[in-house]
Amino acid sequence: MMSLASLAFLLVLQVSEVQHPVPLPADFDPAGCVDCHAAKKEGKQVHAAVETGCTSCHTVRSDDTATFVALQAPPAEMCGTCHAPQTDEVVHEPYRQGDCILCHDPHASEHPALVRTSPQALCTACHLARRTEGATVPLFGGREIPVETFRKFPKIALDRAQRTGHPYLGHPVSNGEDPFRKGQPYSCLSCHAPHAAPVAKLLREEWKSLDVCDRCHTEMRNRRAQP
């Protein structure tokens, strides 16, 4: 069961101000937040704002009897105060809605770019067809979305191991190394941009100027030919 402290800080991401479960003195040093909320700094990737201090994003206000915590800006604007918006024509719907924390953990993560799970699991949670029950659909990291929203997202069909099947039968979608980004795993992000792109279906910039399919397969043939 989620503790009252965890619940309170989860709500900070959703409303303008919430009451902290424990009153803090007016001169409380926000550096002490992690004494109780150590998990906010646990992970291979820690948000730079967390390292800077909780008051980089949150305000803490105390009176004689209670303490209140809030974001310094509405959730849909908070990330944009540090991260320049992407302005390409085709925009991923959660990004358009300012719902950055649907896919990204605002504090820390085991995955690059603070995503809540691996890129492949992240994308397929919304874009892989599956049976739904109830008013919401569970995704990853405790997140969920309304079932109506889930049904609006375009769906793909993959094999049982979820390694092949898109954009056509037998085409790999995971496993192996990204042919364009050395050291990165092959995944949905090999062909699609996660936030915005100049080409339909969020295809990467390369699709505007060259045949990415030919480039990818040429690169793979060249690798196989190397001794």
C-alpha atoms as a PDB file:
ATOM      1  CA  MET A   1       0.000   0.000   0.000  1.00  0.00           C
ATOM      2  CA  MET A   2       1.272   3.488  -0.864  1.00  0.00           C
ATOM      3  CA  SER A   3       2.289   5.524   2.179  1.00  0.00           C
ATOM      4  CA  LEU A   4       0.686   8.875   2.936  1.00  0.00           C
ATOM      5  CA  ALA A   5       3.980  10.595   2.201  1.00  0.00           C
ATOM      6  CA  SER A   6       4.301   8.948  -1.216  1.00  0.00           C
ATOM      7  CA  LEU A   7       0.678   9.698  -2.029  1.00  0.00           C
ATOM      8  CA  ALA A   8       1.084  13.344  -1.085  1.00  0.00           C
ATOM      9  CA  PHE A   9       4.087  13.817  -3.327  1.00  0.00           C
ATOM     10  CA  LEU A  10       2.385  12.003  -6.181  1.00  0.00           C
ATOM     11  CA  LEU A  11      -0.481  14.459  -5.909  1.00  0.00           C
ATOM     12  CA  VAL A  12       1.964  17.361  -6.135  1.00  0.00           C
ATOM     13  CA  LEU A  13       2.341  16.421  -9.778  1.00  0.00           C
ATOM     14  CA  GLN A  14      -1.391  16.714 -10.383  1.00  0.00           C
ATOM     15  CA  VAL A  15      -2.693  19.687  -8.377  1.00  0.00           C
ATOM     16  CA  SER A  16      -1.395  23.148  -7.569  1.00  0.00           C
ATOM     17  CA  GLU A  17      -0.732  22.593  -3.865  1.00  0.00           C
ATOM     18  CA  VAL A  18      -1.032  19.715  -1.384  1.00  0.00           C
ATOM     19  CA  GLN A  19      -0.495  19.464   2.327  1.00  0.00           C
ATOM     20  CA  HIS A  20       2.624  17.642   3.427  1.00  0.00           C
ATOM     21  CA  PRO A  21       1.711  14.798   5.809  1.00  0.00           C
ATOM     22  CA  VAL A  22       4.214  16.087   8.381  1.00  0.00           C
ATOM     23  CA  PRO A  23       4.455  19.782   9.345  1.00  0.00           C
ATOM     24  CA  LEU A  24       7.899  21.237   8.719  1.00  0.00           C
ATOM     25  CA  PRO A  25       9.449  24.326  10.320  1.00  0.00           C
ATOM     26  CA  ALA A  26       9.380  27.518   8.303  1.00  0.00           C
ATOM     27  CA  ASP A  27      13.183  27.458   8.042  1.00  0.00           C
ATOM     28  CA  PHE A  28      13.322  23.811   6.906  1.00  0.00           C
ATOM     29  CA  ASP A  29      16.206  23.140   4.500  1.00  0.00           C
ATOM     30  CA  PRO A  30      14.795  21.455   1.343  1.00  0.00           C
ATOM     31  CA  ALA A  31      18.067  19.550   1.047  1.00  0.00           C
ATOM     32  CA  GLY A  32      16.641  17.380   3.824  1.00  0.00           C
ATOM     33  CA  CYS A  33      13.736  16.177   1.648  1.00  0.00           C
ATOM     34  CA  VAL A  34      15.739  13.171   0.476  1.00  0.00           C
ATOM     35  CA  ASP A  35      16.166  12.030   4.070  1.00  0.00           C
ATOM     36  CA  CYS A  36      12.596  10.709   3.825  1.00  0.00           C
ATOM     37  CA  HIS A  37      12.288  10.504   0.053  1.00  0.00           C
ATOM     38  CA  ALA A  38      15.566   8.752  -0.764  1.00  0.00           C
ATOM     39  CA  ALA A  39      13.934   6.821  -3.621  1.00  0.00           C
ATOM     40  CA  LYS A  40      13.704  10.062  -5.574  1.00  0.00           C
ATOM     41  CA  LYS A  41      17.484   9.836  -6.104  1.00  0.00           C
ATOM     42  CA  GLU A  42      17.737   6.088  -6.714  1.00  0.00           C
ATOM     43  CA  GLY A  43      18.400   4.949 -10.277  1.00  0.00           C
ATOM     44  CA  LYS A  44      21.054   4.867 -12.968  1.00  0.00           C
ATOM     45  CA  GLN A  45      19.696   8.170 -14.252  1.00  0.00           C
ATOM     46  CA  VAL A  46      18.852  10.987 -11.841  1.00  0.00           C
ATOM     47  CA  HIS A  47      17.152  14.162 -13.044  1.00  0.00           C
ATOM     48  CA  ALA A  48      19.563  17.095 -12.886  1.00  0.00           C
ATOM     49  CA  ALA A  49      16.859  19.113 -11.126  1.00  0.00           C
ATOM     50  CA  VAL A  50      16.872  16.594  -8.269  1.00  0.00           C
ATOM     51  CA  GLU A  51      20.608  16.991  -7.904  1.00  0.00           C
ATOM     52  CA  THR A  52      20.171  20.768  -7.876  1.00  0.00           C
ATOM     53  CA  GLY A  53      17.528  20.554  -5.163  1.00  0.00           C
ATOM     54  CA  CYS A  54      13.818  19.917  -4.747  1.00  0.00           C
ATOM     55  CA  THR A  55      13.045  23.636  -4.856  1.00  0.00           C
ATOM     56  CA  SER A  56      14.219  23.675  -8.479  1.00  0.00           C
ATOM     57  CA  CYS A  57      10.696  22.487  -9.299  1.00  0.00           C
ATOM     58  CA  HIS A  58       8.726  22.595  -6.043  1.00  0.00           C
ATOM     59  CA  THR A  59       7.819  25.321  -3.606  1.00  0.00           C
ATOM     60  CA  VAL A  60       7.552  24.553   0.113  1.00  0.00           C
ATOM     61  CA  ARG A  61       5.425  26.799   2.313  1.00  0.00           C
ATOM     62  CA  SER A  62       4.926  26.400   6.058  1.00  0.00           C
ATOM     63  CA  ASP A  63       2.709  28.223   8.515  1.00  0.00           C
ATOM     64  CA  ASP A  64       2.282  27.604  12.216  1.00  0.00           C
ATOM     65  CA  THR A  65       0.456  24.302  11.820  1.00  0.00           C
ATOM     66  CA  ALA A  66       1.033  22.840   8.357  1.00  0.00           C
ATOM     67  CA  THR A  67       3.365  22.607   5.360  1.00  0.00           C
ATOM     68  CA  PHE A  68       2.251  22.816   1.728  1.00  0.00           C
ATOM     69  CA  VAL A  69       4.110  21.700  -1.381  1.00  0.00           C
ATOM     70  CA  ALA A  70       3.447  22.690  -4.985  1.00  0.00           C
ATOM     71  CA  LEU A  71       5.031  22.729  -8.408  1.00  0.00           C
ATOM     72  CA  GLN A  72       6.414  26.083  -9.480  1.00  0.00           C
ATOM     73  CA  ALA A  73       4.357  25.877 -12.689  1.00  0.00           C
ATOM     74  CA  PRO A  74       1.406  23.796 -13.937  1.00  0.00           C
ATOM     75  CA  PRO A  75       2.442  20.220 -14.843  1.00  0.00           C
ATOM     76  CA  ALA A  76       1.958  20.834 -18.571  1.00  0.00           C
ATOM     77  CA  GLU A  77       4.392  23.772 -18.379  1.00  0.00           C
ATOM     78  CA  MET A  78       6.871  22.566 -15.785  1.00  0.00           C
ATOM     79  CA  CYS A  79       9.163  20.591 -18.089  1.00  0.00           C
ATOM     80  CA  GLY A  80       9.129  23.381 -20.664  1.00  0.00           C
ATOM     81  CA  THR A  81      10.729  25.779 -18.211  1.00  0.00           C
ATOM     82  CA  CYS A  82      14.056  23.980 -18.790  1.00  0.00           C
ATOM     83  CA  HIS A  83      13.539  21.878 -21.927  1.00  0.00           C
ATOM     84  CA  ALA A  84      13.044  23.778 -25.176  1.00  0.00           C
ATOM     85  CA  PRO A  85       9.860  22.669 -26.976  1.00  0.00           C
ATOM     86  CA  GLN A  86      10.120  20.703 -30.204  1.00  0.00           C
ATOM     87  CA  THR A  87       8.325  22.399 -33.051  1.00  0.00           C
ATOM     88  CA  ASP A  88       8.209  19.792 -35.811  1.00  0.00           C
ATOM     89  CA  GLU A  89       4.892  19.426 -37.606  1.00  0.00           C
ATOM     90  CA  VAL A  90       4.005  15.909 -36.416  1.00  0.00           C
ATOM     91  CA  VAL A  91       3.695  15.700 -32.628  1.00  0.00           C
ATOM     92  CA  HIS A  92       3.282  12.696 -30.329  1.00  0.00           C
ATOM     93  CA  GLU A  93      -0.048  13.113 -28.556  1.00  0.00           C
ATOM     94  CA  PRO A  94       1.202  12.820 -24.931  1.00  0.00           C
ATOM     95  CA  TYR A  95       3.852  15.418 -25.780  1.00  0.00           C
ATOM     96  CA  ARG A  96       1.214  17.671 -27.316  1.00  0.00           C
ATOM     97  CA  GLN A  97      -0.812  17.415 -24.114  1.00  0.00           C
ATOM     98  CA  GLY A  98       2.209  18.244 -21.955  1.00  0.00           C
ATOM     99  CA  ASP A  99       1.958  14.857 -20.251  1.00  0.00           C
ATOM    100  CA  CYS A 100       5.722  14.323 -20.071  1.00  0.00           C
ATOM    101  CA  ILE A 101       5.507  12.332 -16.852  1.00  0.00           C
ATOM    102  CA  LEU A 102       3.373   9.694 -18.527  1.00  0.00           C
ATOM    103  CA  CYS A 103       6.553   8.314 -20.109  1.00  0.00           C
ATOM    104  CA  HIS A 104       9.283   9.997 -18.044  1.00  0.00           C
ATOM    105  CA  ASP A 105       9.919   9.788 -14.321  1.00  0.00           C
ATOM    106  CA  PRO A 106      10.575  13.350 -13.105  1.00  0.00           C
ATOM    107  CA  HIS A 107      13.059  12.201 -10.464  1.00  0.00           C
ATOM    108  CA  ALA A 108      15.096   9.092 -11.302  1.00  0.00           C
ATOM    109  CA  SER A 109      15.016   6.014 -13.514  1.00  0.00           C
ATOM    110  CA  GLU A 110      16.971   2.914 -14.457  1.00  0.00           C
ATOM    111  CA  HIS A 111      16.648   3.897 -18.128  1.00  0.00           C
ATOM    112  CA  PRO A 112      18.148   6.626 -20.355  1.00  0.00           C
ATOM    113  CA  ALA A 113      16.215   9.887 -20.692  1.00  0.00           C
ATOM    114  CA  LEU A 114      14.439   9.041 -17.428  1.00  0.00           C
ATOM    115  CA  VAL A 115      11.845   6.899 -19.225  1.00  0.00           C
ATOM    116  CA  ARG A 116       9.815   4.676 -16.924  1.00  0.00           C
ATOM    117  CA  THR A 117      10.744   1.424 -18.643  1.00  0.00           C
ATOM    118  CA  SER A 118      12.704   0.286 -21.703  1.00  0.00           C
ATOM    119  CA  PRO A 119      11.874   2.172 -24.935  1.00  0.00           C
ATOM    120  CA  GLN A 120      10.359  -0.949 -26.474  1.00  0.00           C
ATOM    121  CA  ALA A 121       8.102  -1.669 -23.492  1.00  0.00           C
ATOM    122  CA  LEU A 122       7.208   2.013 -23.311  1.00  0.00           C
ATOM    123  CA  CYS A 123       5.947   2.179 -26.904  1.00  0.00           C
ATOM    124  CA  THR A 124       4.215  -1.197 -27.030  1.00  0.00           C
ATOM    125  CA  ALA A 125       2.279  -0.465 -23.825  1.00  0.00           C
ATOM    126  CA  CYS A 126       0.128   1.960 -25.831  1.00  0.00           C
ATOM    127  CA  HIS A 127       0.600   0.789 -29.416  1.00  0.00           C
ATOM    128  CA  LEU A 128       0.258  -2.981 -29.114  1.00  0.00           C
ATOM    129  CA  ALA A 129      -3.276  -4.346 -29.373  1.00  0.00           C
ATOM    130  CA  ARG A 130      -4.545  -6.054 -26.215  1.00  0.00           C
ATOM    131  CA  ARG A 131      -7.775  -6.794 -24.394  1.00  0.00           C
ATOM    132  CA  THR A 132      -8.952  -4.017 -22.097  1.00  0.00           C
ATOM    133  CA  GLU A 133     -11.250  -4.142 -19.082  1.00  0.00           C
ATOM    134  CA  GLY A 134     -12.562  -1.331 -16.948  1.00  0.00           C
ATOM    135  CA  ALA A 135     -12.310   2.424 -17.342  1.00  0.00           C
ATOM    136  CA  THR A 136      -8.504   2.625 -17.379  1.00  0.00           C
ATOM    137  CA  VAL A 137      -5.588   0.752 -18.947  1.00  0.00           C
ATOM    138  CA  PRO A 138      -2.418   0.059 -16.878  1.00  0.00           C
ATOM    139  CA  LEU A 139       0.817   0.986 -18.611  1.00  0.00           C
ATOM    140  CA  PHE A 140       4.185   1.097 -16.798  1.00  0.00           C
ATOM    141  CA  GLY A 141       5.613   2.426 -13.574  1.00  0.00           C
ATOM    142  CA  GLY A 142       2.163   2.574 -12.011  1.00  0.00           C
ATOM    143  CA  ARG A 143       0.826   4.829 -14.755  1.00  0.00           C
ATOM    144  CA  GLU A 144      -2.553   4.331 -16.427  1.00  0.00           C
ATOM    145  CA  ILE A 145      -4.683   6.108 -19.019  1.00  0.00           C
ATOM    146  CA  PRO A 146      -8.425   6.160 -19.795  1.00  0.00           C
ATOM    147  CA  VAL A 147      -9.479   3.238 -21.961  1.00  0.00           C
ATOM    148  CA  GLU A 148     -10.943   5.673 -24.521  1.00  0.00           C
ATOM    149  CA  THR A 149      -7.530   7.307 -24.908  1.00  0.00           C
ATOM    150  CA  PHE A 150      -5.798   3.935 -25.272  1.00  0.00           C
ATOM    151  CA  ARG A 151      -8.165   2.867 -28.027  1.00  0.00           C
ATOM    152  CA  LYS A 152      -7.412   6.005 -30.062  1.00  0.00           C
ATOM    153  CA  PHE A 153      -3.704   5.212 -30.354  1.00  0.00           C
ATOM    154  CA  PRO A 154      -2.687   3.382 -33.574  1.00  0.00           C
ATOM    155  CA  LYS A 155      -1.973  -0.282 -32.936  1.00  0.00           C
ATOM    156  CA  ILE A 156       0.561  -2.694 -34.416  1.00  0.00           C
ATOM    157  CA  ALA A 157       0.634  -6.499 -34.465  1.00  0.00           C
ATOM    158  CA  LEU A 158       3.800  -8.350 -33.433  1.00  0.00           C
ATOM    159  CA  ASP A 159       4.838 -11.954 -32.959  1.00  0.00           C
ATOM    160  CA  ARG A 160       4.464 -13.521 -29.507  1.00  0.00           C
ATOM    161  CA  ALA A 161       8.014 -12.611 -28.509  1.00  0.00           C
ATOM    162  CA  GLN A 162       7.353  -9.024 -29.640  1.00  0.00           C
ATOM    163  CA  ARG A 163      10.515  -9.000 -31.729  1.00  0.00           C
ATOM    164  CA  THR A 164       9.156  -8.917 -35.289  1.00  0.00           C
ATOM    165  CA  GLY A 165       6.085  -7.845 -37.256  1.00  0.00           C
ATOM    166  CA  HIS A 166       6.320  -4.107 -37.946  1.00  0.00           C
ATOM    167  CA  PRO A 167       6.076  -2.373 -40.371  1.00  0.00           C
ATOM    168  CA  TYR A 168       5.569  -5.701 -42.153  1.00  0.00           C
ATOM    169  CA  LEU A 169       5.523  -9.389 -41.273  1.00  0.00           C
ATOM    170  CA  GLY A 170       8.921 -10.619 -40.155  1.00  0.00           C
ATOM    171  CA  HIS A 171      10.542  -7.185 -39.861  1.00  0.00           C
ATOM    172  CA  PRO A 172      12.491  -6.865 -36.579  1.00  0.00           C
ATOM    173  CA  VAL A 173      11.427  -4.297 -33.989  1.00  0.00           C
ATOM    174  CA  SER A 174      13.944  -5.180 -31.265  1.00  0.00           C
ATOM    175  CA  ASN A 175      17.027  -7.249 -30.512  1.00  0.00           C
ATOM    176  CA  GLY A 176      20.438  -6.235 -31.773  1.00  0.00           C
ATOM    177  CA  GLU A 177      22.149  -2.878 -32.192  1.00  0.00           C
ATOM    178  CA  ASP A 178      20.685   0.243 -33.748  1.00  0.00           C
ATOM    179  CA  PRO A 179      22.337   0.536 -37.191  1.00  0.00           C
ATOM    180  CA  PHE A 180      22.481   4.345 -36.974  1.00  0.00           C
ATOM    181  CA  ARG A 181      23.233   4.935 -33.287  1.00  0.00           C
ATOM    182  CA  LYS A 182      26.267   2.924 -32.279  1.00  0.00           C
ATOM    183  CA  GLY A 183      25.942   1.333 -28.868  1.00  0.00           C
ATOM    184  CA  GLN A 184      22.169   1.860 -28.713  1.00  0.00           C
ATOM    185  CA  PRO A 185      19.735  -1.087 -28.842  1.00  0.00           C
ATOM    186  CA  TYR A 186      17.537  -1.586 -31.871  1.00  0.00           C
ATOM    187  CA  SER A 187      14.013  -0.509 -30.901  1.00  0.00           C
ATOM    188  CA  CYS A 188      11.054   1.602 -31.966  1.00  0.00           C
ATOM    189  CA  LEU A 189      13.317   4.645 -31.552  1.00  0.00           C
ATOM    190  CA  SER A 190      15.508   3.407 -34.398  1.00  0.00           C
ATOM    191  CA  CYS A 191      12.847   4.589 -36.850  1.00  0.00           C
ATOM    192  CA  HIS A 192      10.518   6.833 -34.824  1.00  0.00           C
ATOM    193  CA  ALA A 193      11.092  10.040 -32.881  1.00  0.00           C
ATOM    194  CA  PRO A 194       9.474  10.013 -29.426  1.00  0.00           C
ATOM    195  CA  HIS A 195       8.296  13.635 -29.246  1.00  0.00           C
ATOM    196  CA  ALA A 196       7.957  15.296 -32.653  1.00  0.00           C
ATOM    197  CA  ALA A 197       9.095  14.775 -36.224  1.00  0.00           C
ATOM    198  CA  PRO A 198       8.837  16.438 -39.654  1.00  0.00           C
ATOM    199  CA  VAL A 199       7.384  13.295 -41.239  1.00  0.00           C
ATOM    200  CA  ALA A 200       4.114  11.404 -40.725  1.00  0.00           C
ATOM    201  CA  LYS A 201       3.980   8.645 -38.087  1.00  0.00           C
ATOM    202  CA  LEU A 202       6.818  10.363 -36.224  1.00  0.00           C
ATOM    203  CA  LEU A 203       9.386   8.896 -38.586  1.00  0.00           C
ATOM    204  CA  ARG A 204      12.844  10.296 -38.023  1.00  0.00           C
ATOM    205  CA  GLU A 205      14.345  13.193 -39.957  1.00  0.00           C
ATOM    206  CA  GLU A 206      16.202  10.862 -42.346  1.00  0.00           C
ATOM    207  CA  TRP A 207      12.942   9.979 -44.054  1.00  0.00           C
ATOM    208  CA  LYS A 208      12.781  13.491 -45.558  1.00  0.00           C
ATOM    209  CA  SER A 209      15.944  13.153 -47.598  1.00  0.00           C
ATOM    210  CA  LEU A 210      16.795   9.505 -48.234  1.00  0.00           C
ATOM    211  CA  ASP A 211      15.525   5.968 -48.280  1.00  0.00           C
ATOM    212  CA  VAL A 212      16.019   4.875 -44.695  1.00  0.00           C
ATOM    213  CA  CYS A 213      15.114   1.275 -45.471  1.00  0.00           C
ATOM    214  CA  ASP A 214      17.892   1.066 -48.071  1.00  0.00           C
ATOM    215  CA  ARG A 215      20.345   2.882 -45.810  1.00  0.00           C
ATOM    216  CA  CYS A 216      19.611   0.567 -42.896  1.00  0.00           C
ATOM    217  CA  HIS A 217      19.874  -2.641 -44.884  1.00  0.00           C
ATOM    218  CA  THR A 218      23.037  -1.442 -46.636  1.00  0.00           C
ATOM    219  CA  GLU A 219      24.615  -0.732 -43.264  1.00  0.00           C
ATOM    220  CA  MET A 220      23.632  -4.180 -42.003  1.00  0.00           C
ATOM    221  CA  ARG A 221      25.037  -5.879 -45.132  1.00  0.00           C
ATOM    222  CA  ASN A 222      28.291  -3.972 -44.702  1.00  0.00           C
ATOM    223  CA  ARG A 223      28.576  -5.102 -41.088  1.00  0.00           C
ATOM    224  CA  ARG A 224      27.996  -8.720 -42.000  1.00  0.00           C
ATOM    225  CA  ALA A 225      30.655  -8.467 -44.708  1.00  0.00           C
ATOM    226  CA  GLN A 226      33.298  -7.249 -42.283  1.00  0.00           C
ATOM    227  CA  PRO A 227      35.794  -9.931 -41.211  1.00  0.00           C
END
